[in-house]
Amino acid sequence: MQEPVVRFEHISMQFPGVLANDDVSLEVRKGEIFALVGENGAGKSTLMNVLYGIHTPTGGSLTIKGKKMQHFSPKNAIDLGVGMVHQHFMLVPSFTVAENIVLSREPRRGGLLYDRKAARQKTEALSREYGLKVDPDAVVREIGVGLQQRVEILKTLYRGADILILDEPTAVLTPQETEELFDILRRMVREKGMTVILITHKLGEVVSVSDRVGVMRQGRLVSLEETKNVTERSLAAKMVGRNVLHDPFLKESQAGEVRIRAEKLSVLDNRGLPAVKELSLEVRAGEVVGIAAVEGNGQSELIEAITGMRPMSGGNVEICGTSIRGMSPGRIRRLGLAHVPEDRLSTGVNPQGTISENLIMGKHRSREFTRLGFHVNKGALERYVGKIFSRFDVRAAGLDTTVGSLSGGNVQKVVIAREFSFDTPVLVISQPTRGVDIGAIEFIHQHIMDKRAQGCAILLCSADLDEVFRLSDRIVTMYEGRITGSFPAEKITKEEIGYYMTGARSEEGTSHG
């Protein structure tokens, strides 16, 4: 048995109104992949933030490589070889990919001037070594979340960490990219003796890649086992305290009138280059159309154009029969469109706002919640948000909690709760369960299918192919801004879909409506 490189002893972490970690004792061994699982708010990320020095525990002690930590800071953790890839990216948006990767450890000419060429070369070398393709010169704010995740991983590897914490690292990766990442992790552990701590809600990944797994619930470590002795089902039951089944939904064809129609739609990306190229698509009432595409192939720009967040460069989009060309997102929403965006923190919520303020967005001027159009009807507002808060099981101390202080999964629940509470004929959803625990996934999926049963037209974009297959009536594949195929979900396999996602196959002349 390898010696422990990390030892938590009776760690407690108290925040106002919340005991995030409750007397946690745990050892992580050198040269293993250790998985930490649990529901949103179970305390996983908090415990790892203690290890990375972001939080100073209110009780207990932490030992890293035999050294008992006295002063908690990321710098001290990094100096001891601890690196962390956070669930919410910590990049400088205005910097290039290379500048972010070498930040604070920049190569310099003569020890003084920043060596841009060397930074690019180091980034390209890392990119090739680990199979994580990035453009060193791309500005971070102009690339998708999947590519930003790659930058985060490369940034940590550049600093030479040998204890690597990955918080939901595959949330934005395709199955192929996920397997590539796991191959990299296995190789780093096997060849370099690194230690990897993996936080994930994807239990199939835990069983596939980890050596041991710990289960947290309500701040406590409730189970610690060799992975070979567990199954996805047994882990899920330990996480939520009950059996959780992800059985297929029964689907009966009930598609009605066209609610979303894109005709020869073209959209430019942030660099002014074509991202969507003369794409035509229809979504009908009572159906879920799922988009399957590798990150960066135009699906994000497509969703942004349909929801008014990005202008069209050509073609047209109609929502419920009305052209939205030139409309603001607010006007489009008033046509009957609700939207769950892919980046919940940047465009889904106001992190500085309370849960109440975020849940009421979009209805804050309605007669139901105001008097004379400008005085807030506090009683009606509190009853409304309290009902939604309970119904969607947001885990927080109360409605006055700021959304930015919540775990990633609970932030997602706030967005889902608000948008699903609108009675709209059209629902556009990007990454609905990214970073969400298995119990909440079941809950969100059921609400999506309930919306479908009510006749809602749903356009779904997800990096999780299992999710796309489970929810969709039709699956549309995209590659380099074009639709390469459109299939009934029950008539194609994930393996076949993969060929269309990478452009290896294309349905020439196929109608994609």
Protein backbone atom coordinates (compact mmCIF):
# COMPACT_ATOMS: atom_id res chain seq x y z
CA MET A 1 0.00 0.00 0.00
CA GLN A 2 1.34 3.43 -0.99
CA GLU A 3 1.89 5.99 1.75
CA PRO A 4 -0.67 8.80 2.09
CA VAL A 5 0.30 12.12 0.50
CA VAL A 6 -2.77 13.89 1.89
CA ARG A 7 -4.29 13.34 5.32
CA PHE A 8 -7.44 15.11 6.52
CA GLU A 9 -7.97 14.68 10.28
CA HIS A 10 -11.35 15.66 11.73
CA ILE A 11 -11.77 18.56 9.29
CA SER A 12 -14.76 20.85 9.86
CA MET A 13 -15.66 23.91 7.79
CA GLN A 14 -18.35 26.22 9.13
CA PHE A 15 -19.92 28.99 7.05
CA PRO A 16 -22.72 31.28 8.30
CA GLY A 17 -25.72 28.99 8.68
CA VAL A 18 -24.04 26.02 6.96
CA LEU A 19 -21.71 23.31 8.27
CA ALA A 20 -20.13 22.37 4.93
CA ASN A 21 -17.66 19.79 6.31
CA ASP A 22 -18.43 17.89 9.49
CA ASP A 23 -15.54 15.99 11.15
CA VAL A 24 -14.06 14.54 7.93
CA SER A 25 -11.07 12.20 8.24
CA LEU A 26 -9.58 10.85 5.03
CA GLU A 27 -6.27 9.74 3.55
CA VAL A 28 -5.35 9.95 -0.16
CA ARG A 29 -2.48 7.75 -1.32
CA LYS A 30 0.42 8.51 -3.60
CA GLY A 31 -0.05 7.18 -7.13
CA GLU A 32 -3.81 6.63 -7.06
CA ILE A 33 -6.89 8.12 -8.70
CA PHE A 34 -9.26 8.89 -5.85
CA ALA A 35 -12.87 9.81 -6.63
CA LEU A 36 -15.01 11.92 -4.31
CA VAL A 37 -18.76 11.84 -4.96
CA GLY A 38 -21.89 13.21 -3.34
CA GLU A 39 -24.92 15.37 -3.95
CA ASN A 40 -24.67 19.10 -4.55
CA GLY A 41 -23.85 20.77 -1.26
CA ALA A 42 -22.46 17.54 0.25
CA GLY A 43 -19.14 19.29 0.95
CA LYS A 44 -16.88 17.82 -1.75
CA SER A 45 -15.67 21.06 -3.28
CA THR A 46 -15.34 22.69 0.15
CA LEU A 47 -13.04 19.88 1.31
CA MET A 48 -10.92 20.24 -1.81
CA ASN A 49 -10.81 24.03 -1.33
CA VAL A 50 -9.32 23.34 2.10
CA LEU A 51 -6.66 21.16 0.46
CA TYR A 52 -5.92 23.87 -2.08
CA GLY A 53 -5.65 26.51 0.63
CA ILE A 54 -8.67 28.58 -0.36
CA HIS A 55 -10.40 27.87 2.97
CA THR A 56 -8.85 27.63 6.42
CA PRO A 57 -10.74 24.91 8.26
CA THR A 58 -12.58 25.83 11.44
CA GLY A 59 -11.56 22.53 12.98
CA GLY A 60 -9.15 19.64 12.45
CA SER A 61 -5.82 19.43 10.64
CA LEU A 62 -4.42 18.80 7.16
CA THR A 63 -1.09 17.15 6.32
CA ILE A 64 0.40 17.24 2.81
CA LYS A 65 3.45 15.04 2.08
CA GLY A 66 4.17 14.78 5.78
CA LYS A 67 3.96 18.54 6.40
CA LYS A 68 1.18 19.74 8.67
CA MET A 69 -0.39 22.87 7.21
CA GLN A 70 -0.24 25.93 9.46
CA HIS A 71 -1.01 28.69 6.97
CA PHE A 72 -3.62 27.97 4.31
CA SER A 73 -3.20 29.67 0.94
CA PRO A 74 -3.17 28.52 -2.70
CA LYS A 75 0.49 29.59 -2.94
CA ASN A 76 1.48 27.28 -0.09
CA ALA A 77 -0.53 24.45 -1.62
CA ILE A 78 1.03 25.00 -5.05
CA ASP A 79 4.50 25.05 -3.50
CA LEU A 80 3.74 21.58 -2.10
CA GLY A 81 2.69 20.33 -5.54
CA VAL A 82 -1.09 20.66 -5.22
CA GLY A 83 -2.93 21.86 -8.32
CA MET A 84 -6.67 22.39 -8.74
CA VAL A 85 -8.85 22.69 -11.81
CA HIS A 86 -11.99 24.41 -10.53
CA GLN A 87 -15.52 23.72 -11.66
CA HIS A 88 -15.94 27.44 -12.30
CA PHE A 89 -13.09 28.66 -14.45
CA MET A 90 -10.47 30.98 -12.96
CA LEU A 91 -9.06 32.48 -16.14
CA VAL A 92 -8.39 36.08 -17.20
CA PRO A 93 -10.93 36.65 -20.00
CA SER A 94 -8.91 39.34 -21.80
CA PHE A 95 -5.71 37.26 -21.89
CA THR A 96 -4.78 34.75 -24.58
CA VAL A 97 -4.70 31.02 -23.93
CA ALA A 98 -0.90 31.05 -23.66
CA GLU A 99 -0.90 34.06 -21.33
CA ASN A 100 -3.34 32.32 -18.99
CA ILE A 101 -1.36 29.09 -18.94
CA VAL A 102 1.96 30.72 -18.03
CA LEU A 103 0.45 33.40 -15.76
CA SER A 104 2.65 34.05 -12.69
CA ARG A 105 5.37 31.81 -14.17
CA GLU A 106 5.99 33.63 -17.43
CA PRO A 107 9.07 32.81 -19.50
CA ARG A 108 11.27 35.90 -19.84
CA ARG A 109 14.07 37.04 -22.09
CA GLY A 110 17.12 37.99 -20.09
CA GLY A 111 15.09 37.56 -16.92
CA LEU A 112 13.14 40.76 -17.62
CA LEU A 113 10.90 40.90 -20.70
CA TYR A 114 7.95 38.59 -21.21
CA ASP A 115 8.87 36.06 -23.91
CA ARG A 116 5.68 35.70 -25.95
CA LYS A 117 7.24 33.22 -28.39
CA ALA A 118 8.44 30.96 -25.58
CA ALA A 119 4.97 31.07 -23.95
CA ARG A 120 3.39 29.98 -27.23
CA GLN A 121 5.94 27.20 -27.66
CA LYS A 122 5.41 25.91 -24.13
CA THR A 123 1.63 25.96 -24.63
CA GLU A 124 1.88 24.12 -27.94
CA ALA A 125 4.23 21.52 -26.41
CA LEU A 126 1.86 20.89 -23.49
CA SER A 127 -1.09 20.74 -25.86
CA ARG A 128 0.60 18.07 -27.97
CA GLU A 129 1.89 16.11 -24.97
CA TYR A 130 -1.49 15.76 -23.31
CA GLY A 131 -3.71 15.70 -26.40
CA LEU A 132 -5.63 18.82 -25.32
CA LYS A 133 -5.73 20.92 -28.48
CA VAL A 134 -5.89 24.69 -27.99
CA ASP A 135 -4.99 27.80 -29.96
CA PRO A 136 -2.28 29.64 -27.95
CA ASP A 137 -3.26 33.00 -29.50
CA ALA A 138 -7.02 32.76 -28.91
CA VAL A 139 -8.45 35.24 -26.40
CA VAL A 140 -10.13 33.32 -23.59
CA ARG A 141 -13.37 35.33 -23.59
CA GLU A 142 -13.81 34.42 -27.28
CA ILE A 143 -13.62 30.63 -26.88
CA GLY A 144 -16.26 28.19 -25.67
CA VAL A 145 -16.47 26.68 -22.21
CA GLY A 146 -15.08 23.35 -23.41
CA LEU A 147 -11.90 24.98 -24.65
CA GLN A 148 -11.68 27.05 -21.47
CA GLN A 149 -11.73 23.82 -19.48
CA ARG A 150 -8.78 22.55 -21.49
CA VAL A 151 -6.89 25.76 -20.71
CA GLU A 152 -7.55 25.25 -16.98
CA ILE A 153 -6.17 21.71 -17.12
CA LEU A 154 -3.10 22.77 -19.09
CA LYS A 155 -2.48 25.70 -16.72
CA THR A 156 -2.32 23.31 -13.77
CA LEU A 157 -0.10 20.83 -15.59
CA TYR A 158 2.27 23.67 -16.56
CA ARG A 159 2.88 24.35 -12.87
CA GLY A 160 4.10 20.78 -12.40
CA ALA A 161 1.51 19.65 -9.86
CA ASP A 162 1.86 16.04 -8.66
CA ILE A 163 -1.34 16.16 -6.58
CA LEU A 164 -4.02 17.14 -9.08
CA ILE A 165 -7.58 18.01 -8.01
CA LEU A 166 -10.13 17.94 -10.82
CA ASP A 167 -13.57 19.35 -9.96
CA GLU A 168 -16.05 18.12 -12.58
CA PRO A 169 -13.37 18.04 -15.31
CA THR A 170 -15.49 16.26 -17.92
CA ALA A 171 -18.60 18.40 -17.62
CA VAL A 172 -17.82 20.08 -20.95
CA LEU A 173 -16.05 17.20 -22.72
CA THR A 174 -17.38 14.75 -25.30
CA PRO A 175 -17.15 11.00 -24.57
CA GLN A 176 -14.10 10.78 -26.80
CA GLU A 177 -12.43 13.73 -25.05
CA THR A 178 -13.32 12.25 -21.66
CA GLU A 179 -11.69 8.95 -22.50
CA GLU A 180 -8.62 10.79 -23.81
CA LEU A 181 -8.41 12.72 -20.53
CA PHE A 182 -8.72 9.51 -18.51
CA ASP A 183 -5.97 7.90 -20.57
CA ILE A 184 -3.80 10.92 -19.74
CA LEU A 185 -4.62 10.64 -16.01
CA ARG A 186 -3.88 6.91 -15.96
CA ARG A 187 -0.56 7.52 -17.70
CA MET A 188 0.40 10.33 -15.31
CA VAL A 189 -0.36 8.11 -12.32
CA ARG A 190 1.39 5.07 -13.78
CA GLU A 191 4.46 6.74 -15.26
CA LYS A 192 4.97 9.77 -13.00
CA GLY A 193 3.53 8.60 -9.69
CA MET A 194 1.06 11.47 -9.57
CA THR A 195 -1.99 11.53 -7.34
CA VAL A 196 -5.33 12.53 -8.84
CA ILE A 197 -8.43 13.49 -6.87
CA LEU A 198 -11.52 13.48 -9.06
CA ILE A 199 -14.80 15.16 -8.10
CA THR A 200 -17.57 14.12 -10.46
CA HIS A 201 -21.27 13.36 -10.62
CA LYS A 202 -20.77 10.89 -13.45
CA LEU A 203 -20.66 7.57 -11.66
CA GLY A 204 -19.73 5.65 -14.79
CA GLU A 205 -16.51 7.65 -14.84
CA VAL A 206 -15.84 6.85 -11.19
CA VAL A 207 -16.16 3.11 -11.83
CA SER A 208 -14.09 3.40 -15.01
CA VAL A 209 -11.09 5.39 -13.87
CA SER A 210 -10.71 5.51 -10.07
CA ASP A 211 -8.91 3.20 -7.64
CA ARG A 212 -10.87 4.20 -4.54
CA VAL A 213 -14.01 6.22 -3.98
CA GLY A 214 -15.32 8.24 -1.04
CA VAL A 215 -18.97 9.22 -0.68
CA MET A 216 -20.00 12.41 1.12
CA ARG A 217 -23.47 13.29 2.34
CA GLN A 218 -24.48 16.42 4.27
CA GLY A 219 -20.87 17.34 4.98
CA ARG A 220 -19.78 13.95 6.30
CA LEU A 221 -17.78 11.11 4.74
CA VAL A 222 -20.26 8.22 4.82
CA SER A 223 -18.41 5.61 2.75
CA LEU A 224 -14.85 4.82 1.65
CA GLU A 225 -14.25 1.79 -0.57
CA GLU A 226 -12.08 0.25 -3.26
CA THR A 227 -13.79 1.05 -6.55
CA LYS A 228 -13.70 -2.58 -7.63
CA ASN A 229 -16.17 -3.34 -4.84
CA VAL A 230 -18.87 -0.84 -5.90
CA THR A 231 -21.31 -0.29 -8.77
CA GLU A 232 -22.91 2.84 -10.15
CA ARG A 233 -26.20 1.83 -8.57
CA SER A 234 -24.70 1.22 -5.12
CA LEU A 235 -22.82 4.55 -5.23
CA ALA A 236 -25.98 6.42 -6.22
CA ALA A 237 -27.89 4.90 -3.34
CA LYS A 238 -25.17 5.89 -0.87
CA MET A 239 -25.07 9.43 -2.22
CA VAL A 240 -28.78 10.17 -1.90
CA GLY A 241 -29.88 7.58 0.68
CA ARG A 242 -32.26 5.85 -1.73
CA ASN A 243 -32.27 3.95 -5.00
CA VAL A 244 -31.98 6.23 -8.03
CA LEU A 245 -32.94 4.78 -11.38
CA HIS A 246 -32.28 6.42 -14.73
CA ASP A 247 -34.70 4.34 -16.77
CA PRO A 248 -35.53 5.37 -20.36
CA PHE A 249 -38.55 7.61 -20.81
CA LEU A 250 -41.50 6.26 -22.73
CA LYS A 251 -41.93 8.46 -25.80
CA GLU A 252 -44.94 8.62 -28.06
CA SER A 253 -44.83 10.78 -31.18
CA GLN A 254 -46.94 13.88 -30.56
CA ALA A 255 -45.13 16.56 -32.53
CA GLY A 256 -47.39 19.44 -33.49
CA GLU A 257 -46.87 22.83 -35.11
CA VAL A 258 -43.44 24.31 -35.76
CA ARG A 259 -42.39 26.57 -32.86
CA ILE A 260 -38.72 27.15 -33.80
CA ARG A 261 -37.74 27.54 -37.44
CA ALA A 262 -34.23 28.45 -38.61
CA GLU A 263 -33.81 28.98 -42.35
CA LYS A 264 -30.36 29.22 -43.93
CA LEU A 265 -29.12 30.72 -40.68
CA SER A 266 -25.55 32.02 -40.61
CA VAL A 267 -23.81 33.34 -37.48
CA LEU A 268 -20.33 34.72 -36.86
CA ASP A 269 -18.20 33.92 -33.82
CA ASN A 270 -16.45 36.50 -31.63
CA ARG A 271 -13.57 36.75 -34.10
CA GLY A 272 -15.91 37.54 -37.00
CA LEU A 273 -15.47 34.09 -38.55
CA PRO A 274 -18.39 31.89 -39.71
CA ALA A 275 -19.58 29.65 -36.86
CA VAL A 276 -23.01 28.66 -38.23
CA LYS A 277 -23.27 28.21 -41.99
CA GLU A 278 -26.66 28.37 -43.75
CA LEU A 279 -28.23 26.02 -41.23
CA SER A 280 -31.91 25.05 -41.40
CA LEU A 281 -33.70 23.47 -38.46
CA GLU A 282 -37.22 22.99 -37.12
CA VAL A 283 -38.47 22.12 -33.63
CA ARG A 284 -42.14 21.29 -33.18
CA ALA A 285 -44.53 21.47 -30.26
CA GLY A 286 -44.33 18.39 -28.05
CA GLU A 287 -40.86 17.23 -29.12
CA VAL A 288 -37.31 17.42 -27.87
CA VAL A 289 -34.65 17.98 -30.53
CA GLY A 290 -31.16 17.28 -29.18
CA ILE A 291 -28.00 18.75 -30.68
CA ALA A 292 -24.96 16.47 -30.60
CA ALA A 293 -21.67 18.16 -31.47
CA VAL A 294 -18.08 18.33 -30.32
CA GLU A 295 -17.39 21.57 -28.45
CA GLY A 296 -16.63 24.49 -30.78
CA ASN A 297 -18.62 23.41 -33.83
CA GLY A 298 -21.18 26.21 -33.82
CA GLN A 299 -23.78 24.85 -31.42
CA SER A 300 -23.19 27.63 -28.88
CA GLU A 301 -23.50 30.35 -31.53
CA LEU A 302 -26.65 28.67 -32.87
CA ILE A 303 -28.30 28.78 -29.43
CA GLU A 304 -27.20 32.39 -28.91
CA ALA A 305 -28.71 33.45 -32.24
CA ILE A 306 -32.02 31.73 -31.50
CA THR A 307 -32.23 33.41 -28.09
CA GLY A 308 -31.15 36.85 -29.32
CA MET A 309 -27.79 36.87 -27.57
CA ARG A 310 -25.87 37.00 -30.86
CA PRO A 311 -26.84 38.68 -34.17
CA MET A 312 -27.48 36.71 -37.33
CA SER A 313 -25.21 37.35 -40.29
CA GLY A 314 -27.59 35.68 -42.71
CA GLY A 315 -30.87 33.81 -42.91
CA ASN A 316 -33.69 34.00 -40.41
CA VAL A 317 -35.17 32.49 -37.24
CA GLU A 318 -38.85 32.40 -36.34
CA ILE A 319 -40.24 31.76 -32.86
CA CYS A 320 -43.92 30.77 -32.88
CA GLY A 321 -44.23 32.12 -36.43
CA THR A 322 -42.64 35.53 -35.77
CA SER A 323 -39.27 36.54 -37.17
CA ILE A 324 -36.84 37.49 -34.40
CA ARG A 325 -34.27 39.13 -36.65
CA GLY A 326 -32.97 42.24 -34.88
CA MET A 327 -34.94 41.56 -31.69
CA SER A 328 -33.45 41.87 -28.20
CA PRO A 329 -33.40 38.81 -25.88
CA GLY A 330 -36.15 40.47 -23.82
CA ARG A 331 -38.50 40.81 -26.79
CA ILE A 332 -37.81 37.23 -27.86
CA ARG A 333 -38.62 35.99 -24.36
CA ARG A 334 -41.94 37.82 -24.52
CA LEU A 335 -42.78 35.81 -27.65
CA GLY A 336 -42.78 32.74 -25.41
CA LEU A 337 -39.18 31.53 -25.09
CA ALA A 338 -37.44 30.43 -21.90
CA HIS A 339 -33.70 29.81 -21.94
CA VAL A 340 -31.24 27.86 -19.78
CA PRO A 341 -27.81 29.14 -20.95
CA GLU A 342 -24.67 27.01 -21.01
CA ASP A 343 -22.63 29.32 -18.78
CA ARG A 344 -24.79 29.69 -15.71
CA LEU A 345 -22.56 32.18 -13.88
CA SER A 346 -21.94 34.57 -16.78
CA THR A 347 -25.39 34.65 -18.34
CA GLY A 348 -27.71 32.54 -16.17
CA VAL A 349 -27.65 34.38 -12.85
CA ASN A 350 -26.50 37.49 -11.06
CA PRO A 351 -23.93 35.94 -8.67
CA GLN A 352 -24.09 38.97 -6.35
CA GLY A 353 -27.88 38.76 -6.16
CA THR A 354 -29.87 36.70 -3.67
CA ILE A 355 -31.72 33.52 -4.55
CA SER A 356 -35.00 35.47 -4.36
CA GLU A 357 -33.75 38.15 -6.74
CA ASN A 358 -32.54 35.58 -9.25
CA LEU A 359 -35.73 33.50 -9.09
CA ILE A 360 -37.93 36.53 -9.78
CA MET A 361 -35.94 37.76 -12.80
CA GLY A 362 -38.21 38.09 -15.81
CA LYS A 363 -41.29 38.46 -13.65
CA HIS A 364 -40.10 41.37 -11.51
CA ARG A 365 -42.30 43.86 -13.40
CA SER A 366 -45.41 41.69 -13.58
CA ARG A 367 -48.62 42.84 -11.90
CA GLU A 368 -48.53 39.79 -9.66
CA PHE A 369 -45.46 41.09 -7.84
CA THR A 370 -45.81 44.89 -8.03
CA ARG A 371 -48.23 47.55 -6.91
CA LEU A 372 -48.93 50.38 -9.32
CA GLY A 373 -46.15 49.05 -11.54
CA PHE A 374 -43.20 49.94 -9.32
CA HIS A 375 -43.82 49.04 -5.65
CA VAL A 376 -42.78 45.46 -4.86
CA ASN A 377 -45.52 43.26 -3.42
CA LYS A 378 -43.22 41.62 -0.92
CA GLY A 379 -45.73 39.09 0.35
CA ALA A 380 -46.60 37.77 -3.10
CA LEU A 381 -42.93 37.68 -4.08
CA GLU A 382 -41.91 35.71 -0.98
CA ARG A 383 -44.71 33.18 -1.47
CA TYR A 384 -43.75 32.67 -5.13
CA VAL A 385 -40.00 32.28 -4.67
CA GLY A 386 -40.46 30.17 -1.54
CA LYS A 387 -42.62 27.74 -3.47
CA ILE A 388 -40.08 27.46 -6.30
CA PHE A 389 -37.17 27.19 -3.83
CA SER A 390 -38.79 24.18 -2.17
CA ARG A 391 -40.08 22.56 -5.35
CA PHE A 392 -36.66 22.51 -7.00
CA ASP A 393 -34.81 21.55 -3.80
CA VAL A 394 -32.24 24.35 -3.87
CA ARG A 395 -29.80 23.64 -1.03
CA ALA A 396 -29.03 26.89 0.79
CA ALA A 397 -29.42 28.51 4.19
CA GLY A 398 -32.29 30.66 2.91
CA LEU A 399 -33.69 32.81 0.13
CA ASP A 400 -31.42 35.72 1.10
CA THR A 401 -28.29 33.67 0.34
CA THR A 402 -26.24 35.13 -2.53
CA VAL A 403 -26.24 32.84 -5.54
CA GLY A 404 -22.47 33.22 -6.01
CA SER A 405 -21.89 31.43 -2.70
CA LEU A 406 -23.79 28.30 -3.78
CA SER A 407 -22.27 25.11 -5.16
CA GLY A 408 -22.29 24.81 -8.95
CA GLY A 409 -25.15 22.35 -8.96
CA ASN A 410 -27.32 24.58 -6.78
CA VAL A 411 -26.64 27.57 -9.03
CA GLN A 412 -27.89 25.40 -11.90
CA LYS A 413 -31.00 24.52 -9.91
CA VAL A 414 -31.75 28.23 -9.48
CA VAL A 415 -31.55 28.76 -13.26
CA ILE A 416 -33.64 25.67 -14.00
CA ALA A 417 -36.22 26.63 -11.35
CA ARG A 418 -36.67 30.14 -12.76
CA GLU A 419 -36.86 29.20 -16.44
CA PHE A 420 -39.08 26.14 -15.98
CA SER A 421 -41.51 28.24 -13.95
CA PHE A 422 -42.31 30.35 -17.01
CA ASP A 423 -45.31 28.97 -18.88
CA THR A 424 -43.75 29.25 -22.34
CA PRO A 425 -44.34 27.33 -25.59
CA VAL A 426 -40.59 27.21 -26.38
CA LEU A 427 -37.72 26.09 -24.17
CA VAL A 428 -34.07 26.31 -25.25
CA ILE A 429 -31.72 24.43 -22.92
CA SER A 430 -27.92 24.25 -22.95
CA GLN A 431 -26.15 21.79 -20.64
CA PRO A 432 -29.11 21.38 -18.22
CA THR A 433 -27.33 19.04 -15.81
CA ARG A 434 -23.69 20.16 -16.06
CA GLY A 435 -22.19 19.76 -12.59
CA VAL A 436 -25.48 18.52 -11.11
CA ASP A 437 -25.72 15.47 -8.84
CA ILE A 438 -27.44 12.24 -9.82
CA GLY A 439 -30.58 12.87 -7.77
CA ALA A 440 -31.03 16.33 -9.29
CA ILE A 441 -30.39 14.97 -12.79
CA GLU A 442 -33.33 12.61 -12.37
CA PHE A 443 -35.44 15.53 -11.13
CA ILE A 444 -34.45 17.89 -14.00
CA HIS A 445 -34.92 15.24 -16.67
CA GLN A 446 -38.42 14.52 -15.41
CA HIS A 447 -39.29 18.23 -15.55
CA ILE A 448 -38.01 18.43 -19.14
CA MET A 449 -40.22 15.52 -20.14
CA ASP A 450 -43.16 17.07 -18.29
CA LYS A 451 -42.67 20.23 -20.36
CA ARG A 452 -42.61 18.10 -23.51
CA ALA A 453 -45.85 16.38 -22.45
CA GLN A 454 -47.43 19.82 -22.01
CA GLY A 455 -46.68 20.57 -25.67
CA CYS A 456 -43.54 22.64 -25.23
CA ALA A 457 -41.07 22.71 -28.13
CA ILE A 458 -37.65 21.97 -26.64
CA LEU A 459 -34.24 22.48 -28.24
CA LEU A 460 -31.60 20.71 -26.14
CA CYS A 461 -27.85 21.15 -26.42
CA SER A 462 -25.76 18.87 -24.20
CA ALA A 463 -22.20 17.57 -24.16
CA ASP A 464 -23.53 14.44 -22.40
CA LEU A 465 -24.55 12.00 -25.14
CA ASP A 466 -26.37 9.78 -22.64
CA GLU A 467 -28.53 12.79 -21.78
CA VAL A 468 -29.16 13.61 -25.45
CA PHE A 469 -30.27 10.04 -26.16
CA ARG A 470 -32.39 9.76 -23.03
CA LEU A 471 -34.38 12.93 -23.64
CA SER A 472 -34.50 13.51 -27.39
CA ASP A 473 -37.09 12.51 -29.93
CA ARG A 474 -34.73 13.58 -32.72
CA ILE A 475 -30.98 14.06 -32.63
CA VAL A 476 -29.28 16.58 -34.90
CA THR A 477 -25.51 16.38 -35.37
CA MET A 478 -23.36 19.43 -36.14
CA TYR A 479 -19.84 19.75 -37.49
CA GLU A 480 -18.08 23.00 -38.38
CA GLY A 481 -21.31 24.98 -38.28
CA ARG A 482 -23.39 22.69 -40.47
CA ILE A 483 -25.89 19.96 -39.76
CA THR A 484 -24.44 16.60 -40.77
CA GLY A 485 -27.38 14.40 -39.82
CA SER A 486 -30.86 14.24 -38.29
CA PHE A 487 -32.12 10.98 -36.79
CA PRO A 488 -34.91 9.55 -34.64
CA ALA A 489 -33.15 8.87 -31.34
CA GLU A 490 -34.19 5.23 -31.25
CA LYS A 491 -32.77 4.52 -34.72
CA ILE A 492 -29.12 5.39 -34.21
CA THR A 493 -26.38 4.42 -31.75
CA LYS A 494 -23.91 6.60 -29.88
CA GLU A 495 -21.09 5.07 -31.91
CA GLU A 496 -22.78 6.02 -35.19
CA ILE A 497 -23.55 9.52 -33.89
CA GLY A 498 -19.85 9.97 -33.18
CA TYR A 499 -19.00 9.69 -36.88
CA TYR A 500 -21.44 12.48 -37.77
CA MET A 501 -20.18 14.65 -34.88
CA THR A 502 -16.63 14.53 -36.25
CA GLY A 503 -17.60 15.09 -39.91
CA ALA A 504 -16.57 11.56 -40.91
CA ARG A 505 -20.12 11.08 -42.24
CA SER A 506 -22.78 13.47 -43.50
CA GLU A 507 -26.32 13.00 -44.70
CA GLU A 508 -26.07 14.79 -48.01
CA GLY A 509 -29.39 16.06 -49.23
CA THR A 510 -31.19 15.04 -46.04
CA SER A 511 -33.99 17.24 -44.77
CA HIS A 512 -33.11 18.32 -41.26
CA GLY A 513 -36.46 19.78 -40.33
